[in-house]
PDB file of N, CA and C in Angstrom:
ATOM      1  N   GLU A   1     130.177 121.185 182.995  1.00  0.00           N
ATOM      2  CA  GLU A   1     129.319 120.348 182.510  1.00  0.00           C
ATOM      3  C   GLU A   1     128.155 119.628 183.717  1.00  0.00           C
ATOM      4  N   LYS A   2     128.850 119.283 184.713  1.00  0.00           N
ATOM      5  CA  LYS A   2     128.182 118.527 185.781  1.00  0.00           C
ATOM      6  C   LYS A   2     127.637 119.715 186.873  1.00  0.00           C
ATOM      7  N   ILE A   3     128.062 120.922 186.849  1.00  0.00           N
ATOM      8  CA  ILE A   3     127.619 121.863 187.480  1.00  0.00           C
ATOM      9  C   ILE A   3     126.424 122.924 186.881  1.00  0.00           C
ATOM     10  N   SER A   4     126.615 122.895 185.082  1.00  0.00           N
ATOM     11  CA  SER A   4     125.697 123.617 184.406  1.00  0.00           C
ATOM     12  C   SER A   4     124.297 123.655 185.024  1.00  0.00           C
ATOM     13  N   PRO A   5     123.665 122.557 185.244  1.00  0.00           N
ATOM     14  CA  PRO A   5     121.934 122.332 185.395  1.00  0.00           C
ATOM     15  C   PRO A   5     121.961 123.102 186.791  1.00  0.00           C
ATOM     16  N   PHE A   6     122.672 123.384 187.555  1.00  0.00           N
ATOM     17  CA  PHE A   6     122.502 124.024 188.790  1.00  0.00           C
ATOM     18  C   PHE A   6     122.779 125.733 188.838  1.00  0.00           C
ATOM     19  N   ILE A   7     122.893 126.124 187.722  1.00  0.00           N
ATOM     20  CA  ILE A   7     123.099 127.501 187.527  1.00  0.00           C
ATOM     21  C   ILE A   7     122.082 128.046 186.507  1.00  0.00           C
ATOM     22  N   ASN A   8     121.353 129.267 186.905  1.00  0.00           N
ATOM     23  CA  ASN A   8     120.159 129.811 186.463  1.00  0.00           C
ATOM     24  C   ASN A   8     120.679 131.232 186.055  1.00  0.00           C
ATOM     25  N   GLY A   9     121.343 131.185 184.682  1.00  0.00           N
ATOM     26  CA  GLY A   9     121.884 132.379 184.039  1.00  0.00           C
ATOM     27  C   GLY A   9     123.185 131.945 183.210  1.00  0.00           C
ATOM     28  N   ILE A  10     124.018 132.868 183.448  1.00  0.00           N
ATOM     29  CA  ILE A  10     125.417 132.788 182.773  1.00  0.00           C
ATOM     30  C   ILE A  10     126.301 131.977 183.633  1.00  0.00           C
ATOM     31  N   GLY A  11     127.013 131.080 183.205  1.00  0.00           N
ATOM     32  CA  GLY A  11     128.106 130.608 183.927  1.00  0.00           C
ATOM     33  C   GLY A  11     129.596 130.600 183.193  1.00  0.00           C
ATOM     34  N   ILE A  12     130.637 130.984 183.948  1.00  0.00           N
ATOM     35  CA  ILE A  12     131.739 131.416 183.332  1.00  0.00           C
ATOM     36  C   ILE A  12     132.987 131.111 184.273  1.00  0.00           C
ATOM     37  N   ILE A  13     133.701 129.957 183.583  1.00  0.00           N
ATOM     38  CA  ILE A  13     135.152 129.949 184.374  1.00  0.00           C
ATOM     39  C   ILE A  13     136.044 130.842 184.197  1.00  0.00           C
ATOM     40  N   PHE A  14     136.440 131.078 185.315  1.00  0.00           N
ATOM     41  CA  PHE A  14     137.857 132.173 185.327  1.00  0.00           C
ATOM     42  C   PHE A  14     138.934 131.681 186.285  1.00  0.00           C
ATOM     43  N   GLY A  15     139.970 132.483 186.652  1.00  0.00           N
ATOM     44  CA  GLY A  15     141.196 132.131 187.094  1.00  0.00           C
ATOM     45  C   GLY A  15     142.004 131.241 186.315  1.00  0.00           C
ATOM     46  N   SER A  16     142.663 130.376 187.027  1.00  0.00           N
ATOM     47  CA  SER A  16     143.601 129.528 186.571  1.00  0.00           C
ATOM     48  C   SER A  16     143.322 128.667 185.749  1.00  0.00           C
ATOM     49  N   TYR A  17     141.969 128.009 185.856  1.00  0.00           N
ATOM     50  CA  TYR A  17     141.571 127.019 184.870  1.00  0.00           C
ATOM     51  C   TYR A  17     141.477 127.554 183.512  1.00  0.00           C
ATOM     52  N   ALA A  18     140.711 128.804 183.539  1.00  0.00           N
ATOM     53  CA  ALA A  18     140.623 129.626 182.331  1.00  0.00           C
ATOM     54  C   ALA A  18     141.867 129.918 181.639  1.00  0.00           C
ATOM     55  N   LYS A  19     142.922 130.355 182.282  1.00  0.00           N
ATOM     56  CA  LYS A  19     144.212 130.887 181.708  1.00  0.00           C
ATOM     57  C   LYS A  19     145.125 129.469 181.424  1.00  0.00           C
ATOM     58  N   GLY A  20     144.548 128.315 181.828  1.00  0.00           N
ATOM     59  CA  GLY A  20     145.301 126.927 181.584  1.00  0.00           C
ATOM     60  C   GLY A  20     146.626 126.997 182.388  1.00  0.00           C
ATOM     61  N   ILE A  21     146.511 127.451 183.818  1.00  0.00           N
ATOM     62  CA  ILE A  21     147.638 127.356 184.410  1.00  0.00           C
ATOM     63  C   ILE A  21     147.218 126.422 186.140  1.00  0.00           C
ATOM     64  N   SER A  22     146.330 125.987 185.834  1.00  0.00           N
ATOM     65  CA  SER A  22     145.601 125.261 187.249  1.00  0.00           C
ATOM     66  C   SER A  22     146.515 124.202 187.350  1.00  0.00           C
ATOM     67  N   ASN A  23     146.680 123.688 188.808  1.00  0.00           N
ATOM     68  CA  ASN A  23     147.513 122.493 189.448  1.00  0.00           C
ATOM     69  C   ASN A  23     146.562 121.514 190.225  1.00  0.00           C
ATOM     70  N   LYS A  24     147.049 120.978 190.991  1.00  0.00           N
ATOM     71  CA  LYS A  24     146.383 119.923 192.002  1.00  0.00           C
ATOM     72  C   LYS A  24     145.613 120.921 193.146  1.00  0.00           C
ATOM     73  N   GLU A  25     146.647 121.808 193.328  1.00  0.00           N
ATOM     74  CA  GLU A  25     146.035 122.866 194.245  1.00  0.00           C
ATOM     75  C   GLU A  25     144.860 123.904 194.030  1.00  0.00           C
ATOM     76  N   SER A  26     144.794 123.870 192.744  1.00  0.00           N
ATOM     77  CA  SER A  26     143.923 124.991 192.310  1.00  0.00           C
ATOM     78  C   SER A  26     142.297 124.722 192.686  1.00  0.00           C
ATOM     79  N   ASP A  27     141.714 125.693 192.769  1.00  0.00           N
ATOM     80  CA  ASP A  27     140.161 125.738 193.229  1.00  0.00           C
ATOM     81  C   ASP A  27     139.631 126.222 191.675  1.00  0.00           C
ATOM     82  N   LEU A  28     138.362 125.694 191.506  1.00  0.00           N
ATOM     83  CA  LEU A  28     137.987 126.076 190.239  1.00  0.00           C
ATOM     84  C   LEU A  28     136.989 127.328 190.461  1.00  0.00           C
ATOM     85  N   ASP A  29     137.351 128.375 189.753  1.00  0.00           N
ATOM     86  CA  ASP A  29     136.613 129.547 189.913  1.00  0.00           C
ATOM     87  C   ASP A  29     135.421 129.770 189.011  1.00  0.00           C
ATOM     88  N   ILE A  30     134.269 129.856 189.447  1.00  0.00           N
ATOM     89  CA  ILE A  30     133.331 130.201 188.653  1.00  0.00           C
ATOM     90  C   ILE A  30     132.195 131.596 188.867  1.00  0.00           C
ATOM     91  N   PHE A  31     132.102 132.269 187.855  1.00  0.00           N
ATOM     92  CA  PHE A  31     131.487 133.276 187.848  1.00  0.00           C
ATOM     93  C   PHE A  31     130.014 133.313 187.615  1.00  0.00           C
ATOM     94  N   VAL A  32     128.899 133.629 188.047  1.00  0.00           N
ATOM     95  CA  VAL A  32     127.439 133.018 187.620  1.00  0.00           C
ATOM     96  C   VAL A  32     126.878 134.639 187.697  1.00  0.00           C
ATOM     97  N   VAL A  33     126.321 134.983 186.574  1.00  0.00           N
ATOM     98  CA  VAL A  33     125.604 135.982 186.257  1.00  0.00           C
ATOM     99  C   VAL A  33     123.986 135.535 186.652  1.00  0.00           C
ATOM    100  N   GLY A  34     123.251 135.702 187.532  1.00  0.00           N
ATOM    101  CA  GLY A  34     122.028 135.050 187.889  1.00  0.00           C
ATOM    102  C   GLY A  34     122.087 134.523 189.336  1.00  0.00           C
ATOM    103  N   ASP A  35     121.638 133.464 189.072  1.00  0.00           N
ATOM    104  CA  ASP A  35     121.567 132.678 190.719  1.00  0.00           C
ATOM    105  C   ASP A  35     122.133 131.078 190.405  1.00  0.00           C
ATOM    106  N   TYR A  36     122.434 130.609 191.577  1.00  0.00           N
ATOM    107  CA  TYR A  36     122.743 129.116 191.309  1.00  0.00           C
ATOM    108  C   TYR A  36     122.051 128.454 192.601  1.00  0.00           C
ATOM    109  N   GLU A  37     122.140 127.108 192.837  1.00  0.00           N
ATOM    110  CA  GLU A  37     121.709 126.214 193.594  1.00  0.00           C
ATOM    111  C   GLU A  37     122.832 125.858 194.454  1.00  0.00           C
ATOM    112  N   LYS A  38     123.017 126.516 195.578  1.00  0.00           N
ATOM    113  CA  LYS A  38     124.160 126.379 196.352  1.00  0.00           C
ATOM    114  C   LYS A  38     124.750 124.839 196.932  1.00  0.00           C
ATOM    115  N   GLU A  39     123.640 124.145 197.574  1.00  0.00           N
ATOM    116  CA  GLU A  39     123.758 123.163 198.208  1.00  0.00           C
ATOM    117  C   GLU A  39     124.285 121.992 196.804  1.00  0.00           C
ATOM    118  N   GLU A  40     123.482 121.990 195.531  1.00  0.00           N
ATOM    119  CA  GLU A  40     124.046 121.266 194.549  1.00  0.00           C
ATOM    120  C   GLU A  40     125.122 121.323 193.974  1.00  0.00           C
ATOM    121  N   THR A  41     125.730 122.731 193.935  1.00  0.00           N
ATOM    122  CA  THR A  41     127.246 122.755 193.502  1.00  0.00           C
ATOM    123  C   THR A  41     127.946 122.408 194.480  1.00  0.00           C
ATOM    124  N   MET A  42     127.812 122.372 195.748  1.00  0.00           N
ATOM    125  CA  MET A  42     128.809 121.872 196.778  1.00  0.00           C
ATOM    126  C   MET A  42     128.600 120.387 196.684  1.00  0.00           C
ATOM    127  N   LYS A  43     127.527 119.765 196.660  1.00  0.00           N
ATOM    128  CA  LYS A  43     127.487 118.207 196.030  1.00  0.00           C
ATOM    129  C   LYS A  43     128.486 117.800 195.051  1.00  0.00           C
ATOM    130  N   VAL A  44     128.526 118.705 193.941  1.00  0.00           N
ATOM    131  CA  VAL A  44     129.384 118.496 192.717  1.00  0.00           C
ATOM    132  C   VAL A  44     130.838 118.526 193.062  1.00  0.00           C
ATOM    133  N   SER A  45     131.150 119.647 193.869  1.00  0.00           N
ATOM    134  CA  SER A  45     132.517 119.881 194.398  1.00  0.00           C
ATOM    135  C   SER A  45     133.012 118.825 195.000  1.00  0.00           C
ATOM    136  N   ARG A  46     132.297 118.229 195.832  1.00  0.00           N
ATOM    137  CA  ARG A  46     132.695 117.043 196.924  1.00  0.00           C
ATOM    138  C   ARG A  46     132.696 115.814 195.816  1.00  0.00           C
ATOM    139  N   ASN A  47     131.844 115.387 194.768  1.00  0.00           N
ATOM    140  CA  ASN A  47     132.090 114.537 194.083  1.00  0.00           C
ATOM    141  C   ASN A  47     133.252 114.456 193.137  1.00  0.00           C
ATOM    142  N   LEU A  48     133.451 115.638 192.665  1.00  0.00           N
ATOM    143  CA  LEU A  48     135.059 116.007 191.878  1.00  0.00           C
ATOM    144  C   LEU A  48     135.948 115.815 192.726  1.00  0.00           C
ATOM    145  N   GLY A  49     135.817 116.402 193.845  1.00  0.00           N
ATOM    146  CA  GLY A  49     137.252 116.447 194.817  1.00  0.00           C
ATOM    147  C   GLY A  49     137.912 117.827 194.331  1.00  0.00           C
ATOM    148  N   ILE A  50     137.296 118.545 193.696  1.00  0.00           N
ATOM    149  CA  ILE A  50     137.848 120.078 193.428  1.00  0.00           C
ATOM    150  C   ILE A  50     136.956 121.091 194.158  1.00  0.00           C
ATOM    151  N   GLU A  51     137.756 121.969 194.863  1.00  0.00           N
ATOM    152  CA  GLU A  51     137.120 123.076 195.629  1.00  0.00           C
ATOM    153  C   GLU A  51     136.528 124.044 194.397  1.00  0.00           C
ATOM    154  N   ILE A  52     135.371 124.414 194.545  1.00  0.00           N
ATOM    155  CA  ILE A  52     134.540 125.362 193.660  1.00  0.00           C
ATOM    156  C   ILE A  52     134.359 126.506 194.306  1.00  0.00           C
ATOM    157  N   SER A  53     134.952 127.527 193.876  1.00  0.00           N
ATOM    158  CA  SER A  53     134.361 128.959 194.479  1.00  0.00           C
ATOM    159  C   SER A  53     133.911 129.853 193.419  1.00  0.00           C
ATOM    160  N   ILE A  54     132.721 130.138 194.132  1.00  0.00           N
ATOM    161  CA  ILE A  54     131.649 130.924 192.937  1.00  0.00           C
ATOM    162  C   ILE A  54     131.442 132.321 193.231  1.00  0.00           C
ATOM    163  N   LYS A  55     131.569 132.930 192.587  1.00  0.00           N
ATOM    164  CA  LYS A  55     131.238 134.501 192.916  1.00  0.00           C
ATOM    165  C   LYS A  55     129.831 134.573 191.765  1.00  0.00           C
ATOM    166  N   CYS A  56     128.818 135.473 192.376  1.00  0.00           N
ATOM    167  CA  CYS A  56     127.474 135.253 191.796  1.00  0.00           C
ATOM    168  C   CYS A  56     127.084 136.927 191.863  1.00  0.00           C
ATOM    169  N   TYR A  57     126.757 137.340 190.732  1.00  0.00           N
ATOM    170  CA  TYR A  57     126.061 138.698 190.541  1.00  0.00           C
ATOM    171  C   TYR A  57     124.510 138.674 189.899  1.00  0.00           C
ATOM    172  N   PRO A  58     123.502 139.191 190.424  1.00  0.00           N
ATOM    173  CA  PRO A  58     122.569 139.241 189.784  1.00  0.00           C
ATOM    174  C   PRO A  58     122.415 139.803 188.434  1.00  0.00           C
ATOM    175  N   LEU A  59     121.890 139.747 187.462  1.00  0.00           N
ATOM    176  CA  LEU A  59     121.808 140.179 186.195  1.00  0.00           C
ATOM    177  C   LEU A  59     121.819 141.805 186.242  1.00  0.00           C
ATOM    178  N   LYS A  60     121.163 142.419 186.854  1.00  0.00           N
ATOM    179  CA  LYS A  60     120.961 143.816 186.702  1.00  0.00           C
ATOM    180  C   LYS A  60     122.173 144.298 187.492  1.00  0.00           C
ATOM    181  N   THR A  61     122.929 143.524 188.326  1.00  0.00           N
ATOM    182  CA  THR A  61     124.089 144.176 188.916  1.00  0.00           C
ATOM    183  C   THR A  61     125.379 144.176 187.737  1.00  0.00           C
ATOM    184  N   PHE A  62     125.366 142.776 187.186  1.00  0.00           N
ATOM    185  CA  PHE A  62     126.374 142.688 186.093  1.00  0.00           C
ATOM    186  C   PHE A  62     126.106 143.870 185.037  1.00  0.00           C
ATOM    187  N   GLU A  63     124.845 144.048 184.602  1.00  0.00           N
ATOM    188  CA  GLU A  63     124.606 145.110 183.790  1.00  0.00           C
ATOM    189  C   GLU A  63     125.296 146.007 183.992  1.00  0.00           C
ATOM    190  N   ARG A  64     124.817 146.852 185.318  1.00  0.00           N
ATOM    191  CA  ARG A  64     125.258 148.315 185.653  1.00  0.00           C
ATOM    192  C   ARG A  64     126.824 148.182 185.918  1.00  0.00           C
ATOM    193  N   ASN A  65     127.339 146.997 186.270  1.00  0.00           N
ATOM    194  CA  ASN A  65     128.960 147.196 186.503  1.00  0.00           C
ATOM    195  C   ASN A  65     129.938 146.890 185.739  1.00  0.00           C
ATOM    196  N   VAL A  66     129.279 146.446 184.527  1.00  0.00           N
ATOM    197  CA  VAL A  66     130.247 145.619 183.578  1.00  0.00           C
ATOM    198  C   VAL A  66     131.516 146.552 183.202  1.00  0.00           C
ATOM    199  N   ASN A  67     131.559 147.589 183.181  1.00  0.00           N
ATOM    200  CA  ASN A  67     132.606 148.471 182.979  1.00  0.00           C
ATOM    201  C   ASN A  67     133.541 148.994 184.163  1.00  0.00           C
ATOM    202  N   GLN A  68     133.120 148.908 185.232  1.00  0.00           N
ATOM    203  CA  GLN A  68     133.850 149.397 186.314  1.00  0.00           C
ATOM    204  C   GLN A  68     134.250 148.275 187.467  1.00  0.00           C
ATOM    205  N   ASP A  69     133.552 147.257 187.482  1.00  0.00           N
ATOM    206  CA  ASP A  69     133.712 146.127 188.634  1.00  0.00           C
ATOM    207  C   ASP A  69     135.163 145.546 188.365  1.00  0.00           C
ATOM    208  N   ILE A  70     135.834 145.352 189.322  1.00  0.00           N
ATOM    209  CA  ILE A  70     137.271 144.676 189.021  1.00  0.00           C
ATOM    210  C   ILE A  70     137.339 143.349 188.777  1.00  0.00           C
ATOM    211  N   LEU A  71     136.316 142.552 189.612  1.00  0.00           N
ATOM    212  CA  LEU A  71     136.066 141.058 189.357  1.00  0.00           C
ATOM    213  C   LEU A  71     135.621 140.878 187.947  1.00  0.00           C
ATOM    214  N   ILE A  72     134.623 141.805 187.398  1.00  0.00           N
ATOM    215  CA  ILE A  72     133.883 141.553 186.133  1.00  0.00           C
ATOM    216  C   ILE A  72     135.357 141.892 184.889  1.00  0.00           C
ATOM    217  N   LYS A  73     136.086 142.613 185.253  1.00  0.00           N
ATOM    218  CA  LYS A  73     137.255 143.159 184.279  1.00  0.00           C
ATOM    219  C   LYS A  73     137.950 141.902 184.202  1.00  0.00           C
ATOM    220  N   GLU A  74     138.394 141.300 185.277  1.00  0.00           N
ATOM    221  CA  GLU A  74     139.068 140.101 185.340  1.00  0.00           C
ATOM    222  C   GLU A  74     138.535 138.853 184.508  1.00  0.00           C
ATOM    223  N   VAL A  75     137.169 138.779 184.862  1.00  0.00           N
ATOM    224  CA  VAL A  75     136.620 137.565 183.967  1.00  0.00           C
ATOM    225  C   VAL A  75     136.454 137.803 182.618  1.00  0.00           C
ATOM    226  N   LEU A  76     136.512 139.227 182.178  1.00  0.00           N
ATOM    227  CA  LEU A  76     136.252 139.512 180.832  1.00  0.00           C
ATOM    228  C   LEU A  76     137.518 139.114 180.118  1.00  0.00           C
ATOM    229  N   LYS A  77     138.759 139.310 180.909  1.00  0.00           N
ATOM    230  CA  LYS A  77     140.008 139.319 180.302  1.00  0.00           C
ATOM    231  C   LYS A  77     140.052 137.780 179.801  1.00  0.00           C
ATOM    232  N   ASN A  78     139.924 136.816 180.760  1.00  0.00           N
ATOM    233  CA  ASN A  78     140.285 135.411 180.608  1.00  0.00           C
ATOM    234  C   ASN A  78     139.015 134.372 181.193  1.00  0.00           C
ATOM    235  N   HIS A  79     138.375 133.932 180.240  1.00  0.00           N
ATOM    236  CA  HIS A  79     137.077 133.325 180.646  1.00  0.00           C
ATOM    237  C   HIS A  79     136.753 131.905 179.803  1.00  0.00           C
ATOM    238  N   ILE A  80     136.043 131.102 180.261  1.00  0.00           N
ATOM    239  CA  ILE A  80     135.551 129.946 179.377  1.00  0.00           C
ATOM    240  C   ILE A  80     133.984 130.074 179.943  1.00  0.00           C
ATOM    241  N   ILE A  81     133.104 130.421 178.787  1.00  0.00           N
ATOM    242  CA  ILE A  81     131.717 130.336 179.322  1.00  0.00           C
ATOM    243  C   ILE A  81     131.219 129.092 178.797  1.00  0.00           C
ATOM    244  N   PHE A  82     130.472 128.440 180.074  1.00  0.00           N
ATOM    245  CA  PHE A  82     130.097 127.216 179.666  1.00  0.00           C
ATOM    246  C   PHE A  82     128.464 127.086 180.003  1.00  0.00           C
ATOM    247  N   LYS A  83     128.062 128.249 180.076  1.00  0.00           N
ATOM    248  CA  LYS A  83     126.183 128.254 180.170  1.00  0.00           C
ATOM    249  C   LYS A  83     125.633 129.570 179.640  1.00  0.00           C
ATOM    250  N   ASN A  84     124.760 129.583 178.460  1.00  0.00           N
ATOM    251  CA  ASN A  84     124.430 130.919 177.948  1.00  0.00           C
ATOM    252  C   ASN A  84     125.430 131.829 177.307  1.00  0.00           C
ATOM    253  N   THR A  85     126.159 131.206 176.554  1.00  0.00           N
ATOM    254  CA  THR A  85     127.139 132.032 175.921  1.00  0.00           C
ATOM    255  C   THR A  85     126.501 133.356 175.243  1.00  0.00           C
ATOM    256  N   GLU A  86     125.182 132.832 174.422  1.00  0.00           N
ATOM    257  CA  GLU A  86     124.717 134.022 173.464  1.00  0.00           C
ATOM    258  C   GLU A  86     124.288 135.206 174.478  1.00  0.00           C
ATOM    259  N   LEU A  87     123.795 134.822 175.625  1.00  0.00           N
ATOM    260  CA  LEU A  87     123.097 135.840 176.506  1.00  0.00           C
ATOM    261  C   LEU A  87     124.540 136.779 176.923  1.00  0.00           C
ATOM    262  N   PHE A  88     125.441 135.994 177.558  1.00  0.00           N
ATOM    263  CA  PHE A  88     126.570 136.712 177.764  1.00  0.00           C
ATOM    264  C   PHE A  88     127.328 137.675 176.530  1.00  0.00           C
ATOM    265  N   ILE A  89     127.270 137.224 175.724  1.00  0.00           N
ATOM    266  CA  ILE A  89     127.708 138.395 174.543  1.00  0.00           C
ATOM    267  C   ILE A  89     126.802 139.521 174.320  1.00  0.00           C
ATOM    268  N   GLN A  90     125.301 139.158 174.264  1.00  0.00           N
ATOM    269  CA  GLN A  90     124.385 140.017 174.340  1.00  0.00           C
ATOM    270  C   GLN A  90     124.458 141.230 175.279  1.00  0.00           C
ATOM    271  N   LYS A  91     124.677 140.834 176.348  1.00  0.00           N
ATOM    272  CA  LYS A  91     125.113 141.652 177.677  1.00  0.00           C
ATOM    273  C   LYS A  91     126.216 142.420 177.383  1.00  0.00           C
ATOM    274  N   VAL A  92     127.300 141.819 177.376  1.00  0.00           N
ATOM    275  CA  VAL A  92     128.740 142.772 177.140  1.00  0.00           C
ATOM    276  C   VAL A  92     128.590 143.570 176.058  1.00  0.00           C
ATOM    277  N   LEU A  93     128.029 143.033 174.895  1.00  0.00           N
ATOM    278  CA  LEU A  93     128.009 144.128 173.779  1.00  0.00           C
ATOM    279  C   LEU A  93     127.098 145.343 174.190  1.00  0.00           C
ATOM    280  N   LYS A  94     125.805 145.041 174.906  1.00  0.00           N
ATOM    281  CA  LYS A  94     124.978 146.130 175.121  1.00  0.00           C
ATOM    282  C   LYS A  94     125.411 147.083 176.251  1.00  0.00           C
ATOM    283  N   TYR A  95     125.972 146.820 177.137  1.00  0.00           N
ATOM    284  CA  TYR A  95     126.424 147.128 178.355  1.00  0.00           C
ATOM    285  C   TYR A  95     128.037 147.611 178.834  1.00  0.00           C
ATOM    286  N   GLY A  96     128.710 146.818 177.827  1.00  0.00           N
ATOM    287  CA  GLY A  96     130.165 146.938 178.006  1.00  0.00           C
ATOM    288  C   GLY A  96     130.785 147.929 177.204  1.00  0.00           C
TER     289      GLY A  96
END
């Protein structure tokens, strides 16, 4: 929620938080389709006291690789979409 304004595109949580197995040592894994404001997300990370790890793919890269990229496949298995859910569904249905 606090990071959402700094993501331009689709925002997806994956990894231990999405699987419900996070602990106090876990980082927050975020997959962005589009781009994001790196400095602002680092500020949010510091303010929350959680390490945020962001993987970012441009939209065209996501579209081209949705069926073959290992990271995208992992994100598709276990994820929580927190920004632009409809766009994510459209792209996966069209290219997936």
